[in-house]
């Protein structure tokens, strides 16, 4: 499909009957993965997403005009994935425009953003799902992260942003701040 200079390819090579397609429910999470020329890091990132223990997800990979082999990596991984992966190719416009295109295609109840040079743990979605349920499914959730650094001697160090924020909306917005441990 092509509309407004955006080409949308939905890649799901699993065989499904028309009944299965028509009765599929929306995923809990839509993971938006914008990328531009990330051939070296995209495979590890995408593998960490398709390897989630929580399977009620879809991945929307938005190619922001890459000229390397990044889009081919997405296509290759999607062939063996049980998680639906949608590849959207667009003219380069920056990460914000790529995210906005992804949001427009999202079917999930919640949207997560993952950068193409990051990898997430296999419990990433499961832990977010648990926190959302613990706090009665807030409209918005912002959460901390751990940055991992490897120096020239292969020494690993970590820094953690220790804060979770939940926003309950629906007319009366309030912020719930929960400090995280470690």
Protein backbone atom coordinates (compact mmCIF):
# COMPACT_ATOMS: atom_id res chain seq x y z
CA UNK A 1 0.00 0.00 0.00
CA UNK A 2 1.22 3.52 -0.70
CA UNK A 3 -0.23 6.72 0.68
CA UNK A 4 1.37 10.09 1.40
CA UNK A 5 4.84 8.89 0.39
CA UNK A 6 4.63 6.01 2.88
CA UNK A 7 4.89 2.41 1.73
CA UNK A 8 3.45 -0.10 4.19
CA UNK A 9 4.42 -3.74 4.06
CA UNK A 10 2.94 -6.12 6.58
CA UNK A 11 5.20 -9.11 6.92
CA UNK A 12 3.72 -12.15 8.57
CA UNK A 13 4.63 -15.40 6.94
CA UNK A 14 2.58 -17.57 9.28
CA UNK A 15 -0.35 -19.22 7.52
CA UNK A 16 -3.72 -18.21 8.97
CA UNK A 17 -7.26 -18.86 7.85
CA UNK A 18 -9.59 -15.95 7.10
CA UNK A 19 -11.51 -16.84 10.29
CA UNK A 20 -8.34 -16.53 12.39
CA UNK A 21 -7.53 -13.15 10.84
CA UNK A 22 -11.06 -11.80 11.34
CA UNK A 23 -11.27 -12.92 14.99
CA UNK A 24 -7.80 -11.78 16.07
CA UNK A 25 -7.83 -9.41 19.00
CA UNK A 26 -5.76 -6.28 19.22
CA UNK A 27 -2.36 -6.69 20.88
CA UNK A 28 -1.79 -5.31 24.34
CA UNK A 29 1.43 -3.53 23.28
CA UNK A 30 2.39 -1.94 19.98
CA UNK A 31 6.15 -1.51 19.94
CA UNK A 32 7.29 1.30 17.66
CA UNK A 33 10.83 0.80 16.36
CA UNK A 34 12.04 3.69 14.18
CA UNK A 35 15.36 3.16 12.42
CA UNK A 36 17.73 4.89 10.02
CA UNK A 37 20.85 3.12 8.75
CA UNK A 38 21.14 0.83 11.78
CA UNK A 39 22.44 -2.25 10.02
CA UNK A 40 24.94 -2.97 12.83
CA UNK A 41 22.56 -2.76 15.80
CA UNK A 42 19.09 -3.49 14.41
CA UNK A 43 19.31 -7.28 14.43
CA UNK A 44 20.15 -7.47 18.16
CA UNK A 45 17.39 -4.98 18.94
CA UNK A 46 14.75 -6.79 16.90
CA UNK A 47 15.78 -10.20 18.24
CA UNK A 48 15.35 -8.88 21.79
CA UNK A 49 11.81 -7.78 20.89
CA UNK A 50 10.69 -10.98 19.16
CA UNK A 51 12.16 -12.96 22.08
CA UNK A 52 9.80 -11.44 24.63
CA UNK A 53 8.25 -13.84 27.15
CA UNK A 54 5.07 -11.72 26.96
CA UNK A 55 3.70 -12.47 23.49
CA UNK A 56 0.68 -10.14 23.25
CA UNK A 57 2.60 -7.60 21.17
CA UNK A 58 3.07 -6.29 17.66
CA UNK A 59 6.20 -4.65 16.33
CA UNK A 60 5.99 -1.71 13.95
CA UNK A 61 9.40 -1.10 12.40
CA UNK A 62 9.57 2.27 10.65
CA UNK A 63 12.36 2.66 8.12
CA UNK A 64 13.15 6.37 8.02
CA UNK A 65 14.78 6.29 4.57
CA UNK A 66 17.69 3.94 5.29
CA UNK A 67 20.12 3.31 2.46
CA UNK A 68 21.94 0.40 4.12
CA UNK A 69 20.61 -3.14 4.65
CA UNK A 70 18.46 -2.32 7.69
CA UNK A 71 15.10 -3.02 6.01
CA UNK A 72 16.36 -6.40 4.80
CA UNK A 73 17.21 -7.33 8.40
CA UNK A 74 13.62 -6.60 9.43
CA UNK A 75 12.27 -8.69 6.55
CA UNK A 76 14.59 -11.58 7.38
CA UNK A 77 13.70 -11.67 11.08
CA UNK A 78 9.98 -11.36 10.35
CA UNK A 79 10.03 -14.56 8.28
CA UNK A 80 10.68 -16.68 11.38
CA UNK A 81 8.88 -14.55 13.95
CA UNK A 82 5.69 -15.60 15.70
CA UNK A 83 5.25 -11.93 16.67
CA UNK A 84 3.63 -9.83 13.91
CA UNK A 85 6.08 -7.35 12.44
CA UNK A 86 4.96 -4.50 10.20
CA UNK A 87 7.64 -2.77 8.15
CA UNK A 88 6.87 0.75 7.03
CA UNK A 89 9.23 2.45 4.57
CA UNK A 90 9.15 6.25 4.45
CA UNK A 91 11.20 9.15 3.18
CA UNK A 92 13.72 10.39 5.74
CA UNK A 93 12.09 12.88 8.09
CA UNK A 94 13.66 12.18 11.47
CA UNK A 95 12.85 10.00 14.44
CA UNK A 96 9.80 12.02 15.52
CA UNK A 97 8.10 11.68 12.15
CA UNK A 98 8.95 7.96 12.09
CA UNK A 99 7.41 7.49 15.55
CA UNK A 100 4.29 9.41 14.51
CA UNK A 101 3.87 7.18 11.44
CA UNK A 102 4.21 4.14 13.71
CA UNK A 103 1.64 5.48 16.17
CA UNK A 104 -0.78 5.93 13.27
CA UNK A 105 -0.51 2.20 12.48
CA UNK A 106 -0.54 0.93 16.09
CA UNK A 107 -3.36 -1.40 17.13
CA UNK A 108 -2.28 -2.04 20.71
CA UNK A 109 -3.84 -0.79 23.91
CA UNK A 110 -0.47 0.73 24.87
CA UNK A 111 2.39 2.03 22.73
CA UNK A 112 6.03 1.42 23.64
CA UNK A 113 8.98 3.08 21.94
CA UNK A 114 12.29 1.25 21.53
CA UNK A 115 15.34 2.81 19.87
CA UNK A 116 17.03 0.72 17.19
CA UNK A 117 20.41 0.80 18.93
CA UNK A 118 18.96 -0.62 22.18
CA UNK A 119 18.22 -4.16 23.31
CA UNK A 120 15.69 -5.06 25.96
CA UNK A 121 15.51 -7.98 28.38
CA UNK A 122 13.20 -10.87 27.52
CA UNK A 123 11.01 -9.82 30.51
CA UNK A 124 10.66 -6.19 29.32
CA UNK A 125 7.01 -6.34 28.22
CA UNK A 126 6.02 -8.74 31.02
CA UNK A 127 7.36 -6.38 33.68
CA UNK A 128 5.68 -3.34 32.14
CA UNK A 129 2.40 -5.29 31.90
CA UNK A 130 2.66 -6.22 35.60
CA UNK A 131 3.31 -2.61 36.63
CA UNK A 132 0.44 -1.33 34.53
CA UNK A 133 -1.93 -3.82 36.14
CA UNK A 134 -0.58 -3.09 39.62
CA UNK A 135 -1.45 0.60 39.16
CA UNK A 136 -4.89 -0.04 37.62
CA UNK A 137 -3.93 0.52 33.98
CA UNK A 138 -2.97 4.21 33.99
CA UNK A 139 -3.26 6.13 30.73
CA UNK A 140 0.45 6.98 30.58
CA UNK A 141 3.47 5.32 32.12
CA UNK A 142 7.02 6.68 32.10
CA UNK A 143 9.67 4.43 33.59
CA UNK A 144 13.33 4.26 34.39
CA UNK A 145 15.99 2.45 32.48
CA UNK A 146 19.42 1.04 32.98
CA UNK A 147 22.21 2.22 30.74
CA UNK A 148 24.97 -0.33 30.26
CA UNK A 149 28.45 0.86 29.32
CA UNK A 150 31.36 -1.29 28.24
CA UNK A 151 34.79 0.36 28.32
CA UNK A 152 37.86 -0.51 26.26
CA UNK A 153 38.90 -3.20 28.75
CA UNK A 154 35.44 -4.82 28.48
CA UNK A 155 34.52 -3.66 31.98
CA UNK A 156 30.77 -3.29 32.34
CA UNK A 157 29.20 -0.48 34.33
CA UNK A 158 25.56 0.42 34.77
CA UNK A 159 23.69 3.56 35.66
CA UNK A 160 20.03 3.52 36.57
CA UNK A 161 17.38 6.18 36.40
CA UNK A 162 15.31 5.28 39.45
CA UNK A 163 11.80 6.50 38.91
CA UNK A 164 8.47 5.28 37.66
CA UNK A 165 5.70 7.73 36.86
CA UNK A 166 2.09 6.91 36.17
CA UNK A 167 -0.52 9.37 35.00
CA UNK A 168 -4.19 8.71 35.62
CA UNK A 169 -6.25 10.88 33.31
CA UNK A 170 -9.86 11.15 32.23
CA UNK A 171 -10.56 14.73 33.24
CA UNK A 172 -8.51 14.74 36.45
CA UNK A 173 -4.83 14.10 35.81
CA UNK A 174 -2.67 13.11 38.73
CA UNK A 175 0.88 11.85 38.90
CA UNK A 176 1.90 8.83 40.93
CA UNK A 177 5.67 8.63 41.46
CA UNK A 178 7.14 5.36 42.61
CA UNK A 179 10.86 5.16 43.39
CA UNK A 180 12.44 1.97 42.07
CA UNK A 181 14.95 -0.14 43.95
CA UNK A 182 18.65 -0.40 43.01
